[in-house]
Amino acid sequence: MLKKLMTNHSELPTLALIKLTRQEQIAEQVKTVLKQHYRKKKINKEEYKDIMKRAVGKILQSKASSINPSKVEALVTGYVRYEIYEGNPRTKEV
């Protein structure tokens, strides 16, 4: 009986698994946009990591059922502009 319950449980996707899959998809979308800026030397490694965390978190919190690549690109580009022109004090040395 226990073995039967475990098999049925493993077949059902859990909420955590669905969230992880969505997070990985979002991370891949953000990486494709962010790598362009990193390769052009517009941002450094620390800024890359910071933007990655903020963008993935923000998109993950949205209630949209699908990932819109144009909106992801606009969000990431906005974060890159902020890092370049405004200068984020968290990534700048004092």
C-alpha atoms as a PDB file:
ATOM      1  CA  MET A   1       0.000   0.000   0.000  1.00  0.00           C
ATOM      2  CA  LEU A   2       2.800   2.445   0.906  1.00  0.00           C
ATOM      3  CA  LYS A   3       4.618   1.683  -2.339  1.00  0.00           C
ATOM      4  CA  LYS A   4       1.445   2.417  -4.293  1.00  0.00           C
ATOM      5  CA  LEU A   5       1.005   5.783  -2.561  1.00  0.00           C
ATOM      6  CA  MET A   6       4.606   6.763  -3.249  1.00  0.00           C
ATOM      7  CA  THR A   7       4.239   5.971  -6.953  1.00  0.00           C
ATOM      8  CA  ASN A   8       1.116   8.095  -7.274  1.00  0.00           C
ATOM      9  CA  HIS A   9       2.762  10.933  -5.356  1.00  0.00           C
ATOM     10  CA  SER A  10       5.861  10.964  -7.553  1.00  0.00           C
ATOM     11  CA  GLU A  11       3.785  11.161 -10.727  1.00  0.00           C
ATOM     12  CA  LEU A  12       1.982  14.319  -9.664  1.00  0.00           C
ATOM     13  CA  PRO A  13       3.932  17.543 -10.215  1.00  0.00           C
ATOM     14  CA  THR A  14       4.255  19.388  -6.952  1.00  0.00           C
ATOM     15  CA  LEU A  15       3.848  23.106  -6.602  1.00  0.00           C
ATOM     16  CA  ALA A  16       7.537  23.440  -5.755  1.00  0.00           C
ATOM     17  CA  LEU A  17       8.530  21.598  -8.923  1.00  0.00           C
ATOM     18  CA  ILE A  18       6.303  23.808 -11.057  1.00  0.00           C
ATOM     19  CA  LYS A  19       7.777  26.935  -9.440  1.00  0.00           C
ATOM     20  CA  LEU A  20      11.319  25.677  -9.983  1.00  0.00           C
ATOM     21  CA  THR A  21      10.633  24.925 -13.642  1.00  0.00           C
ATOM     22  CA  ARG A  22       9.129  28.385 -14.169  1.00  0.00           C
ATOM     23  CA  GLN A  23      12.084  29.985 -12.380  1.00  0.00           C
ATOM     24  CA  GLU A  24      14.539  28.142 -14.653  1.00  0.00           C
ATOM     25  CA  GLN A  25      12.639  29.270 -17.761  1.00  0.00           C
ATOM     26  CA  ILE A  26      12.676  32.867 -16.569  1.00  0.00           C
ATOM     27  CA  ALA A  27      16.386  32.653 -15.743  1.00  0.00           C
ATOM     28  CA  GLU A  28      17.158  31.413 -19.259  1.00  0.00           C
ATOM     29  CA  GLN A  29      15.209  34.302 -20.809  1.00  0.00           C
ATOM     30  CA  VAL A  30      16.994  36.847 -18.615  1.00  0.00           C
ATOM     31  CA  LYS A  31      20.408  35.280 -19.367  1.00  0.00           C
ATOM     32  CA  THR A  32      19.958  35.593 -23.112  1.00  0.00           C
ATOM     33  CA  VAL A  33      19.247  39.314 -22.827  1.00  0.00           C
ATOM     34  CA  LEU A  34      21.785  40.016 -20.097  1.00  0.00           C
ATOM     35  CA  LYS A  35      24.678  38.232 -21.822  1.00  0.00           C
ATOM     36  CA  GLN A  36      24.521  40.708 -24.689  1.00  0.00           C
ATOM     37  CA  HIS A  37      25.198  43.585 -22.309  1.00  0.00           C
ATOM     38  CA  TYR A  38      27.882  41.658 -20.442  1.00  0.00           C
ATOM     39  CA  ARG A  39      29.767  40.756 -23.621  1.00  0.00           C
ATOM     40  CA  LYS A  40      29.724  44.397 -24.726  1.00  0.00           C
ATOM     41  CA  LYS A  41      31.314  45.240 -21.337  1.00  0.00           C
ATOM     42  CA  LYS A  42      28.422  47.514 -20.356  1.00  0.00           C
ATOM     43  CA  ILE A  43      28.173  45.742 -16.985  1.00  0.00           C
ATOM     44  CA  ASN A  44      30.616  43.809 -14.843  1.00  0.00           C
ATOM     45  CA  LYS A  45      30.218  40.427 -13.124  1.00  0.00           C
ATOM     46  CA  GLU A  46      28.781  41.838  -9.894  1.00  0.00           C
ATOM     47  CA  GLU A  47      26.235  43.942 -11.781  1.00  0.00           C
ATOM     48  CA  TYR A  48      25.330  40.893 -13.891  1.00  0.00           C
ATOM     49  CA  LYS A  49      24.594  38.844 -10.766  1.00  0.00           C
ATOM     50  CA  ASP A  50      22.654  41.674  -9.147  1.00  0.00           C
ATOM     51  CA  ILE A  51      20.490  42.281 -12.213  1.00  0.00           C
ATOM     52  CA  MET A  52      19.939  38.551 -12.611  1.00  0.00           C
ATOM     53  CA  LYS A  53      18.605  38.206  -9.051  1.00  0.00           C
ATOM     54  CA  ARG A  54      16.380  41.252  -9.266  1.00  0.00           C
ATOM     55  CA  ALA A  55      14.944  40.496 -12.714  1.00  0.00           C
ATOM     56  CA  VAL A  56      14.202  36.828 -12.038  1.00  0.00           C
ATOM     57  CA  GLY A  57      12.585  37.696  -8.713  1.00  0.00           C
ATOM     58  CA  LYS A  58      10.438  40.419 -10.207  1.00  0.00           C
ATOM     59  CA  ILE A  59       9.250  38.305 -13.144  1.00  0.00           C
ATOM     60  CA  LEU A  60       8.598  35.343 -10.862  1.00  0.00           C
ATOM     61  CA  GLN A  61       6.347  37.495  -8.677  1.00  0.00           C
ATOM     62  CA  SER A  62       4.246  38.583 -11.640  1.00  0.00           C
ATOM     63  CA  LYS A  63       0.965  36.773 -12.103  1.00  0.00           C
ATOM     64  CA  ALA A  64       1.377  36.334 -15.856  1.00  0.00           C
ATOM     65  CA  SER A  65       0.885  32.768 -17.031  1.00  0.00           C
ATOM     66  CA  SER A  66       3.453  33.012 -19.821  1.00  0.00           C
ATOM     67  CA  ILE A  67       6.843  34.663 -20.182  1.00  0.00           C
ATOM     68  CA  ASN A  68       6.824  37.539 -22.667  1.00  0.00           C
ATOM     69  CA  PRO A  69      10.350  37.900 -24.146  1.00  0.00           C
ATOM     70  CA  SER A  70       9.832  41.537 -25.140  1.00  0.00           C
ATOM     71  CA  LYS A  71       8.821  42.467 -21.587  1.00  0.00           C
ATOM     72  CA  VAL A  72      11.802  40.544 -20.193  1.00  0.00           C
ATOM     73  CA  GLU A  73      14.110  42.429 -22.542  1.00  0.00           C
ATOM     74  CA  ALA A  74      12.593  45.781 -21.553  1.00  0.00           C
ATOM     75  CA  LEU A  75      12.957  45.000 -17.840  1.00  0.00           C
ATOM     76  CA  VAL A  76      16.568  43.840 -18.139  1.00  0.00           C
ATOM     77  CA  THR A  77      17.493  46.797 -20.338  1.00  0.00           C
ATOM     78  CA  GLY A  78      16.003  49.109 -17.733  1.00  0.00           C
ATOM     79  CA  TYR A  79      18.099  47.513 -15.005  1.00  0.00           C
ATOM     80  CA  VAL A  80      21.234  47.794 -17.167  1.00  0.00           C
ATOM     81  CA  ARG A  81      20.536  51.482 -17.811  1.00  0.00           C
ATOM     82  CA  TYR A  82      20.109  52.012 -14.089  1.00  0.00           C
ATOM     83  CA  GLU A  83      23.448  50.325 -13.382  1.00  0.00           C
ATOM     84  CA  ILE A  84      25.254  52.323 -16.086  1.00  0.00           C
ATOM     85  CA  TYR A  85      23.781  55.793 -15.676  1.00  0.00           C
ATOM     86  CA  GLU A  86      22.458  56.003 -12.132  1.00  0.00           C
ATOM     87  CA  GLY A  87      25.028  53.759 -10.535  1.00  0.00           C
ATOM     88  CA  ASN A  88      23.730  51.296  -7.999  1.00  0.00           C
ATOM     89  CA  PRO A  89      25.471  51.934  -4.655  1.00  0.00           C
ATOM     90  CA  ARG A  90      25.259  48.215  -3.784  1.00  0.00           C
ATOM     91  CA  THR A  91      27.626  47.301  -6.603  1.00  0.00           C
ATOM     92  CA  LYS A  92      29.914  50.332  -6.472  1.00  0.00           C
ATOM     93  CA  GLU A  93      32.921  50.425  -4.165  1.00  0.00           C
ATOM     94  CA  VAL A  94      32.945  53.144  -1.543  1.00  0.00           C
END
